[in-house]
N, C-alpha and C. Protein backbone atom coordinates (compact mmCIF):
# COMPACT_ATOMS: atom_id res chain seq x y z
N MET A 1 -82.97 -39.05 8.84
CA MET A 1 -84.07 -38.86 9.77
C MET A 1 -84.19 -37.41 10.19
N SER A 2 -83.05 -36.71 10.36
CA SER A 2 -83.13 -35.33 10.81
C SER A 2 -83.80 -34.43 9.77
N LEU A 3 -83.56 -34.67 8.49
CA LEU A 3 -84.20 -33.85 7.46
C LEU A 3 -85.69 -34.09 7.42
N ALA A 4 -86.09 -35.35 7.62
CA ALA A 4 -87.52 -35.66 7.67
C ALA A 4 -88.16 -34.97 8.86
N TRP A 5 -87.50 -35.02 10.03
CA TRP A 5 -88.02 -34.34 11.22
C TRP A 5 -88.16 -32.86 10.97
N LEU A 6 -87.15 -32.26 10.34
CA LEU A 6 -87.18 -30.83 10.09
C LEU A 6 -88.31 -30.48 9.14
N ALA A 7 -88.49 -31.25 8.08
CA ALA A 7 -89.55 -30.97 7.11
C ALA A 7 -90.92 -31.09 7.76
N VAL A 8 -91.14 -32.15 8.53
CA VAL A 8 -92.41 -32.33 9.21
C VAL A 8 -92.61 -31.23 10.24
N GLY A 9 -91.57 -30.94 10.98
CA GLY A 9 -91.65 -29.92 12.01
C GLY A 9 -92.00 -28.56 11.46
N LEU A 10 -91.40 -28.18 10.33
CA LEU A 10 -91.69 -26.89 9.74
C LEU A 10 -93.14 -26.79 9.31
N LEU A 11 -93.71 -27.89 8.87
CA LEU A 11 -95.11 -27.88 8.47
C LEU A 11 -96.06 -27.81 9.66
N LEU A 12 -95.63 -28.29 10.81
CA LEU A 12 -96.52 -28.42 11.95
C LEU A 12 -96.33 -27.36 13.03
N PHE A 13 -95.33 -26.50 12.91
CA PHE A 13 -95.09 -25.50 13.94
C PHE A 13 -96.22 -24.49 14.01
N VAL A 14 -96.53 -24.08 15.22
CA VAL A 14 -97.42 -22.95 15.45
C VAL A 14 -96.49 -21.84 15.91
N VAL A 15 -96.43 -20.75 15.17
CA VAL A 15 -95.36 -19.80 15.44
C VAL A 15 -95.76 -18.33 15.52
N PRO A 16 -96.89 -18.00 16.08
CA PRO A 16 -97.20 -16.57 16.14
C PRO A 16 -96.32 -15.85 17.16
N ALA A 17 -95.94 -14.64 16.82
CA ALA A 17 -95.26 -13.78 17.79
C ALA A 17 -96.33 -12.94 18.45
N CYS A 18 -96.17 -12.69 19.73
CA CYS A 18 -97.21 -11.90 20.37
C CYS A 18 -96.62 -11.06 21.48
N SER A 19 -97.35 -10.04 21.83
CA SER A 19 -96.94 -9.12 22.88
C SER A 19 -97.41 -9.65 24.22
N LEU A 20 -96.60 -9.43 25.22
CA LEU A 20 -96.96 -9.87 26.56
C LEU A 20 -97.50 -8.75 27.42
N GLY A 21 -97.12 -7.54 27.12
CA GLY A 21 -97.55 -6.49 28.01
C GLY A 21 -97.21 -5.13 27.49
N LYS A 22 -97.30 -4.19 28.38
CA LYS A 22 -97.01 -2.82 28.00
C LYS A 22 -95.71 -2.41 28.67
N LYS A 23 -95.65 -1.17 29.13
CA LYS A 23 -94.41 -0.62 29.61
C LYS A 23 -93.85 -1.36 30.83
N SER A 24 -94.68 -1.98 31.64
CA SER A 24 -94.17 -2.71 32.81
C SER A 24 -94.62 -4.15 32.74
N THR A 25 -93.88 -5.00 33.45
CA THR A 25 -94.18 -6.42 33.41
C THR A 25 -93.74 -7.06 34.72
N ASN A 26 -94.31 -8.21 35.02
CA ASN A 26 -93.89 -8.92 36.22
C ASN A 26 -93.10 -10.17 35.88
N VAL A 27 -92.59 -10.26 34.65
CA VAL A 27 -91.77 -11.40 34.26
C VAL A 27 -90.47 -11.34 35.03
N SER A 28 -90.08 -12.45 35.63
CA SER A 28 -88.85 -12.50 36.40
C SER A 28 -87.63 -12.32 35.51
N THR A 29 -86.69 -11.51 35.95
CA THR A 29 -85.46 -11.33 35.20
C THR A 29 -84.26 -11.83 35.99
N ASN A 30 -84.50 -12.61 37.05
CA ASN A 30 -83.40 -13.17 37.82
C ASN A 30 -82.67 -14.21 37.01
N ARG A 31 -81.35 -14.18 37.02
CA ARG A 31 -80.55 -15.14 36.28
C ARG A 31 -79.35 -15.52 37.14
N SER A 32 -79.13 -16.80 37.24
CA SER A 32 -78.01 -17.31 38.00
C SER A 32 -76.71 -17.03 37.25
N ALA A 33 -75.67 -16.66 37.96
CA ALA A 33 -74.38 -16.42 37.34
C ALA A 33 -73.79 -17.69 36.74
N SER A 34 -74.27 -18.84 37.17
CA SER A 34 -73.73 -20.10 36.68
C SER A 34 -74.36 -20.54 35.37
N GLU A 35 -75.40 -19.84 34.90
CA GLU A 35 -76.02 -20.24 33.64
C GLU A 35 -75.08 -19.95 32.50
N ASP A 36 -74.71 -20.99 31.77
CA ASP A 36 -73.79 -20.80 30.65
C ASP A 36 -74.52 -20.50 29.36
N SER A 37 -75.83 -20.43 29.40
CA SER A 37 -76.58 -20.18 28.18
C SER A 37 -77.15 -18.77 28.15
N ALA A 38 -76.58 -17.87 28.90
CA ALA A 38 -77.05 -16.49 28.90
C ALA A 38 -76.91 -15.91 27.50
N PRO A 39 -77.82 -15.04 27.11
CA PRO A 39 -77.75 -14.45 25.79
C PRO A 39 -76.44 -13.71 25.59
N SER A 40 -75.94 -13.74 24.35
CA SER A 40 -74.72 -13.03 24.05
C SER A 40 -75.04 -11.89 23.08
N ASP A 41 -74.31 -10.78 23.21
CA ASP A 41 -74.51 -9.66 22.31
C ASP A 41 -73.87 -9.99 20.97
N ALA A 42 -74.43 -9.47 19.91
CA ALA A 42 -73.88 -9.68 18.58
C ALA A 42 -73.53 -8.30 18.02
N THR A 43 -74.38 -7.75 17.17
CA THR A 43 -74.18 -6.40 16.64
C THR A 43 -75.04 -5.43 17.45
N SER A 44 -75.13 -5.64 18.71
CA SER A 44 -76.07 -4.96 19.59
C SER A 44 -75.95 -3.44 19.56
N THR A 45 -77.12 -2.82 19.49
CA THR A 45 -77.21 -1.37 19.62
C THR A 45 -77.76 -1.01 20.99
N GLY A 46 -78.00 -2.03 21.82
CA GLY A 46 -78.56 -1.80 23.14
C GLY A 46 -80.08 -1.76 23.15
N ALA A 47 -80.72 -2.17 22.07
CA ALA A 47 -82.18 -2.11 21.97
C ALA A 47 -82.87 -3.12 22.87
N ILE A 48 -82.19 -4.22 23.20
CA ILE A 48 -82.78 -5.24 24.09
C ILE A 48 -82.14 -5.11 25.46
N LYS A 49 -83.00 -4.87 26.45
CA LYS A 49 -82.54 -4.72 27.83
C LYS A 49 -82.27 -6.10 28.45
N GLU A 50 -83.14 -7.08 28.14
CA GLU A 50 -83.02 -8.41 28.74
C GLU A 50 -83.64 -9.43 27.80
N LEU A 51 -83.04 -10.62 27.73
CA LEU A 51 -83.55 -11.70 26.89
C LEU A 51 -83.43 -13.00 27.65
N HIS A 52 -84.50 -13.81 27.62
CA HIS A 52 -84.43 -15.12 28.25
C HIS A 52 -85.41 -16.10 27.58
N MET A 53 -85.17 -17.36 27.84
CA MET A 53 -86.05 -18.44 27.38
C MET A 53 -86.98 -18.78 28.53
N ALA A 54 -88.16 -19.33 28.19
CA ALA A 54 -89.13 -19.67 29.23
C ALA A 54 -89.98 -20.85 28.80
N LYS A 55 -90.39 -21.62 29.80
CA LYS A 55 -91.35 -22.70 29.57
C LYS A 55 -92.73 -22.10 29.41
N ASP A 56 -93.64 -22.87 28.83
CA ASP A 56 -95.02 -22.44 28.68
C ASP A 56 -95.73 -22.56 30.02
N ASP A 57 -96.61 -21.60 30.33
CA ASP A 57 -97.33 -21.62 31.61
C ASP A 57 -98.58 -22.49 31.57
N GLY A 58 -98.83 -23.16 30.44
CA GLY A 58 -100.02 -24.00 30.30
C GLY A 58 -101.18 -23.26 29.65
N ASN A 59 -101.04 -21.94 29.50
CA ASN A 59 -102.08 -21.12 28.87
C ASN A 59 -101.56 -20.42 27.63
N GLY A 60 -100.40 -20.87 27.11
CA GLY A 60 -99.83 -20.27 25.91
C GLY A 60 -98.97 -19.05 26.14
N ASN A 61 -98.68 -18.76 27.41
CA ASN A 61 -97.84 -17.61 27.75
C ASN A 61 -96.53 -18.09 28.37
N PRO A 62 -95.50 -17.24 28.36
CA PRO A 62 -94.25 -17.61 29.01
C PRO A 62 -94.46 -17.81 30.51
N GLY A 63 -93.85 -18.86 31.03
CA GLY A 63 -93.90 -19.14 32.46
C GLY A 63 -92.51 -19.02 33.05
N ASP A 64 -92.04 -20.10 33.68
CA ASP A 64 -90.75 -20.10 34.35
C ASP A 64 -89.60 -19.92 33.38
N GLU A 65 -88.69 -19.02 33.74
CA GLU A 65 -87.48 -18.80 32.96
C GLU A 65 -86.57 -20.01 33.08
N THR A 66 -85.98 -20.43 31.97
CA THR A 66 -85.08 -21.58 31.98
C THR A 66 -84.23 -21.56 30.72
N SER A 67 -83.18 -22.34 30.72
CA SER A 67 -82.38 -22.56 29.52
C SER A 67 -82.34 -24.04 29.17
N ALA A 68 -83.06 -24.87 29.96
CA ALA A 68 -83.10 -26.31 29.72
C ALA A 68 -84.56 -26.77 29.69
N PHE A 69 -84.94 -27.42 28.61
CA PHE A 69 -86.30 -27.91 28.41
C PHE A 69 -86.27 -29.42 28.31
N SER A 70 -87.38 -30.05 28.62
CA SER A 70 -87.49 -31.49 28.41
C SER A 70 -88.13 -31.71 27.05
N PRO A 71 -87.94 -32.88 26.44
CA PRO A 71 -88.54 -33.13 25.12
C PRO A 71 -90.05 -32.92 25.10
N GLY A 72 -90.72 -33.14 26.23
CA GLY A 72 -92.16 -32.98 26.31
C GLY A 72 -92.64 -31.54 26.50
N ASP A 73 -91.71 -30.59 26.65
CA ASP A 73 -92.08 -29.17 26.71
C ASP A 73 -92.36 -28.72 25.28
N ARG A 74 -93.56 -28.97 24.83
CA ARG A 74 -93.88 -28.77 23.41
C ARG A 74 -93.77 -27.32 22.95
N THR A 75 -94.09 -26.35 23.82
CA THR A 75 -94.00 -24.93 23.46
C THR A 75 -92.83 -24.30 24.20
N ILE A 76 -91.97 -23.63 23.43
CA ILE A 76 -90.78 -22.98 23.97
C ILE A 76 -90.86 -21.50 23.62
N HIS A 77 -90.66 -20.65 24.64
CA HIS A 77 -90.78 -19.20 24.48
C HIS A 77 -89.42 -18.52 24.55
N CYS A 78 -89.27 -17.44 23.79
CA CYS A 78 -88.13 -16.54 23.91
C CYS A 78 -88.72 -15.16 24.20
N VAL A 79 -88.31 -14.56 25.32
CA VAL A 79 -88.89 -13.30 25.79
C VAL A 79 -87.84 -12.20 25.73
N ALA A 80 -88.18 -11.10 25.04
CA ALA A 80 -87.28 -9.96 24.92
C ALA A 80 -87.90 -8.75 25.60
N GLU A 81 -87.11 -8.09 26.45
CA GLU A 81 -87.53 -6.82 27.03
C GLU A 81 -86.75 -5.72 26.32
N LEU A 82 -87.46 -4.86 25.65
CA LEU A 82 -86.83 -3.77 24.91
C LEU A 82 -86.43 -2.64 25.84
N ALA A 83 -85.35 -1.95 25.52
CA ALA A 83 -84.89 -0.82 26.32
C ALA A 83 -85.84 0.36 26.18
N GLU A 84 -86.53 0.45 25.04
CA GLU A 84 -87.44 1.56 24.81
C GLU A 84 -88.73 1.04 24.18
N ALA A 85 -89.86 1.43 24.74
CA ALA A 85 -91.16 1.04 24.19
C ALA A 85 -91.53 2.06 23.13
N LYS A 86 -91.56 1.61 21.87
CA LYS A 86 -91.85 2.52 20.78
C LYS A 86 -92.63 1.77 19.70
N ALA A 87 -93.74 2.33 19.28
CA ALA A 87 -94.54 1.71 18.22
C ALA A 87 -93.72 1.62 16.95
N GLY A 88 -93.89 0.51 16.23
CA GLY A 88 -93.23 0.33 14.95
C GLY A 88 -91.86 -0.31 15.01
N THR A 89 -91.42 -0.76 16.19
CA THR A 89 -90.15 -1.46 16.30
C THR A 89 -90.29 -2.83 15.65
N LYS A 90 -89.42 -3.13 14.70
CA LYS A 90 -89.49 -4.40 13.97
C LYS A 90 -88.62 -5.44 14.67
N MET A 91 -89.26 -6.53 15.08
CA MET A 91 -88.59 -7.62 15.79
C MET A 91 -88.55 -8.85 14.89
N LYS A 92 -87.48 -9.63 15.00
CA LYS A 92 -87.41 -10.92 14.32
C LYS A 92 -86.74 -11.92 15.26
N PHE A 93 -87.41 -13.05 15.47
CA PHE A 93 -86.87 -14.15 16.25
C PHE A 93 -86.49 -15.24 15.25
N SER A 94 -85.20 -15.54 15.14
CA SER A 94 -84.73 -16.59 14.23
C SER A 94 -84.32 -17.80 15.06
N TRP A 95 -85.04 -18.91 14.88
CA TRP A 95 -84.85 -20.13 15.65
C TRP A 95 -83.96 -21.10 14.87
N PHE A 96 -82.97 -21.70 15.57
CA PHE A 96 -82.01 -22.60 14.94
C PHE A 96 -81.81 -23.88 15.74
N ILE A 97 -81.56 -24.97 15.02
CA ILE A 97 -81.02 -26.19 15.61
C ILE A 97 -79.50 -26.00 15.58
N VAL A 98 -78.85 -26.07 16.72
CA VAL A 98 -77.40 -26.01 16.76
C VAL A 98 -76.84 -27.42 16.55
N ASP A 99 -77.38 -28.39 17.29
CA ASP A 99 -76.96 -29.78 17.15
C ASP A 99 -78.00 -30.67 17.83
N ALA A 100 -78.89 -31.26 17.03
CA ALA A 100 -79.94 -32.11 17.58
C ALA A 100 -80.39 -33.13 16.53
N ASP A 101 -80.50 -34.38 16.93
CA ASP A 101 -81.04 -35.45 16.10
C ASP A 101 -80.37 -35.53 14.74
N GLY A 102 -79.05 -35.33 14.72
CA GLY A 102 -78.31 -35.42 13.47
C GLY A 102 -78.27 -34.14 12.66
N ALA A 103 -79.08 -33.15 13.00
CA ALA A 103 -79.08 -31.87 12.29
C ALA A 103 -78.13 -30.90 13.00
N LYS A 104 -77.40 -30.11 12.22
CA LYS A 104 -76.47 -29.13 12.78
C LYS A 104 -76.61 -27.81 12.04
N ASN A 105 -76.66 -26.74 12.82
CA ASN A 105 -76.67 -25.38 12.28
C ASN A 105 -77.72 -25.19 11.18
N GLU A 106 -78.96 -25.58 11.49
CA GLU A 106 -80.06 -25.43 10.54
C GLU A 106 -81.11 -24.48 11.10
N LYS A 107 -81.57 -23.56 10.25
CA LYS A 107 -82.63 -22.64 10.67
C LYS A 107 -83.94 -23.41 10.71
N ILE A 108 -84.71 -23.18 11.78
CA ILE A 108 -86.03 -23.79 11.91
C ILE A 108 -87.08 -22.84 11.35
N LYS A 109 -87.07 -21.59 11.84
CA LYS A 109 -88.15 -20.67 11.49
C LYS A 109 -87.77 -19.25 11.89
N ASP A 110 -88.27 -18.26 11.14
CA ASP A 110 -88.21 -16.85 11.52
C ASP A 110 -89.60 -16.41 11.93
N ILE A 111 -89.68 -15.61 12.97
CA ILE A 111 -90.94 -15.03 13.41
C ILE A 111 -90.75 -13.52 13.43
N ASP A 112 -91.59 -12.80 12.68
CA ASP A 112 -91.51 -11.35 12.61
C ASP A 112 -92.67 -10.73 13.39
N TYR A 113 -92.40 -9.58 13.99
CA TYR A 113 -93.42 -8.87 14.76
C TYR A 113 -93.08 -7.39 14.77
N THR A 114 -94.08 -6.54 14.74
CA THR A 114 -93.90 -5.10 14.86
C THR A 114 -94.66 -4.63 16.10
N THR A 115 -93.95 -3.90 16.96
CA THR A 115 -94.54 -3.48 18.24
C THR A 115 -95.58 -2.38 18.04
N ARG A 116 -96.48 -2.33 19.01
CA ARG A 116 -97.48 -1.26 19.10
C ARG A 116 -97.00 -0.27 20.16
N ALA A 117 -97.72 0.80 20.32
CA ALA A 117 -97.36 1.83 21.31
C ALA A 117 -97.25 1.23 22.71
N LEU A 118 -96.24 1.61 23.44
CA LEU A 118 -95.97 1.24 24.84
C LEU A 118 -95.57 -0.22 25.04
N GLU A 119 -95.38 -0.99 24.00
CA GLU A 119 -94.92 -2.38 24.17
C GLU A 119 -93.41 -2.42 24.33
N ASN A 120 -92.97 -3.03 25.39
CA ASN A 120 -91.54 -3.26 25.54
C ASN A 120 -91.23 -4.71 25.90
N ILE A 121 -92.25 -5.55 26.03
CA ILE A 121 -92.05 -6.98 26.25
C ILE A 121 -92.68 -7.71 25.06
N VAL A 122 -91.85 -8.46 24.34
CA VAL A 122 -92.31 -9.18 23.16
C VAL A 122 -91.77 -10.60 23.25
N HIS A 123 -92.59 -11.56 22.85
CA HIS A 123 -92.07 -12.93 22.82
C HIS A 123 -92.46 -13.63 21.54
N GLY A 124 -91.57 -14.53 21.14
CA GLY A 124 -91.86 -15.44 20.05
C GLY A 124 -91.86 -16.84 20.63
N HIS A 125 -92.65 -17.73 20.06
CA HIS A 125 -92.63 -19.09 20.57
C HIS A 125 -92.85 -20.08 19.45
N LEU A 126 -92.36 -21.30 19.68
CA LEU A 126 -92.56 -22.41 18.76
C LEU A 126 -93.23 -23.54 19.51
N THR A 127 -94.12 -24.23 18.82
CA THR A 127 -94.78 -25.40 19.38
C THR A 127 -94.59 -26.56 18.42
N LEU A 128 -94.15 -27.68 18.94
CA LEU A 128 -94.01 -28.90 18.15
C LEU A 128 -95.05 -29.89 18.65
N PRO A 129 -95.84 -30.50 17.77
CA PRO A 129 -96.90 -31.40 18.21
C PRO A 129 -96.39 -32.77 18.67
N GLN A 130 -95.09 -32.94 18.69
CA GLN A 130 -94.48 -34.17 19.20
C GLN A 130 -93.32 -33.75 20.09
N ASN A 131 -92.67 -34.69 20.74
CA ASN A 131 -91.54 -34.35 21.59
C ASN A 131 -90.40 -33.75 20.78
N TRP A 132 -89.73 -32.78 21.37
CA TRP A 132 -88.56 -32.17 20.74
C TRP A 132 -87.39 -33.15 20.78
N PRO A 133 -86.58 -33.22 19.74
CA PRO A 133 -85.35 -34.01 19.79
C PRO A 133 -84.38 -33.40 20.79
N SER A 134 -83.68 -34.22 21.54
CA SER A 134 -82.68 -33.72 22.48
C SER A 134 -81.55 -33.07 21.71
N GLY A 135 -81.02 -32.01 22.28
CA GLY A 135 -79.90 -31.33 21.64
C GLY A 135 -79.80 -29.88 22.03
N LYS A 136 -79.01 -29.14 21.25
CA LYS A 136 -78.75 -27.73 21.51
C LYS A 136 -79.44 -26.89 20.44
N TYR A 137 -79.98 -25.76 20.88
CA TYR A 137 -80.72 -24.85 20.02
C TYR A 137 -80.34 -23.41 20.36
N LYS A 138 -80.75 -22.47 19.49
CA LYS A 138 -80.55 -21.05 19.80
C LYS A 138 -81.62 -20.23 19.11
N VAL A 139 -81.81 -19.01 19.64
CA VAL A 139 -82.70 -18.02 19.03
C VAL A 139 -81.90 -16.73 18.89
N GLU A 140 -81.83 -16.22 17.67
CA GLU A 140 -81.21 -14.92 17.43
C GLU A 140 -82.34 -13.89 17.35
N VAL A 141 -82.18 -12.78 18.07
CA VAL A 141 -83.23 -11.77 18.11
C VAL A 141 -82.70 -10.48 17.46
N PHE A 142 -83.42 -10.05 16.44
CA PHE A 142 -83.09 -8.85 15.69
C PHE A 142 -84.08 -7.74 16.04
N VAL A 143 -83.57 -6.50 16.13
CA VAL A 143 -84.42 -5.33 16.33
C VAL A 143 -84.07 -4.34 15.22
N ASN A 144 -85.09 -4.00 14.43
CA ASN A 144 -84.91 -3.09 13.29
C ASN A 144 -83.74 -3.52 12.40
N GLY A 145 -83.64 -4.83 12.17
CA GLY A 145 -82.63 -5.37 11.27
C GLY A 145 -81.28 -5.66 11.89
N ASN A 146 -81.04 -5.25 13.13
CA ASN A 146 -79.76 -5.51 13.80
C ASN A 146 -79.85 -6.73 14.69
N LEU A 147 -78.88 -7.64 14.57
CA LEU A 147 -78.82 -8.78 15.48
C LEU A 147 -78.41 -8.25 16.85
N GLU A 148 -79.33 -8.33 17.81
CA GLU A 148 -79.10 -7.74 19.13
C GLU A 148 -78.59 -8.74 20.15
N LYS A 149 -79.26 -9.88 20.27
CA LYS A 149 -78.87 -10.89 21.27
C LYS A 149 -79.19 -12.28 20.76
N THR A 150 -78.48 -13.25 21.32
CA THR A 150 -78.71 -14.66 21.02
C THR A 150 -78.90 -15.40 22.32
N ALA A 151 -79.96 -16.21 22.39
CA ALA A 151 -80.21 -17.03 23.57
C ALA A 151 -79.96 -18.49 23.18
N GLN A 152 -79.13 -19.16 23.95
CA GLN A 152 -78.84 -20.58 23.76
C GLN A 152 -79.75 -21.36 24.72
N TYR A 153 -80.22 -22.52 24.28
CA TYR A 153 -80.98 -23.40 25.18
C TYR A 153 -80.79 -24.84 24.75
N ALA A 154 -81.17 -25.74 25.64
CA ALA A 154 -81.01 -27.17 25.39
C ALA A 154 -82.31 -27.91 25.66
N VAL A 155 -82.49 -28.99 24.94
CA VAL A 155 -83.56 -29.94 25.22
C VAL A 155 -82.85 -31.20 25.69
N GLU A 156 -83.15 -31.60 26.95
CA GLU A 156 -82.45 -32.73 27.57
C GLU A 156 -83.42 -33.78 28.05
């Protein structure tokens, strides 16, 4: 069943990466110290200042920051704040199932994006036209080919 879900899901995902703003933003960066799903550094060069997951605001944009989604949260956002706004920065959001609906450690989708001048807030998002399977997921975020941060999240 998990392979069928994955195959159908890959065909039905809406996955554009898009910019949220320019040099400044009003996206909340508050994070509770008790959150165990905070992004972890990998081969970080310090290119990402802050990374978080967010629910959809109902208009296709990131809304409330969270690390826990309900199955009915059809669109899930990953928001990266870059340390430096520079045109031509190559971003990649790699989405994975960690453990959900019988699938383990499977890549869902890569989303590539190149920044324009003054962009330092970039997000990638996935939309599933049905409820998400409960489980654990992650997004690895690359900047110019370097794995910078990983955000863990759950669907409960």
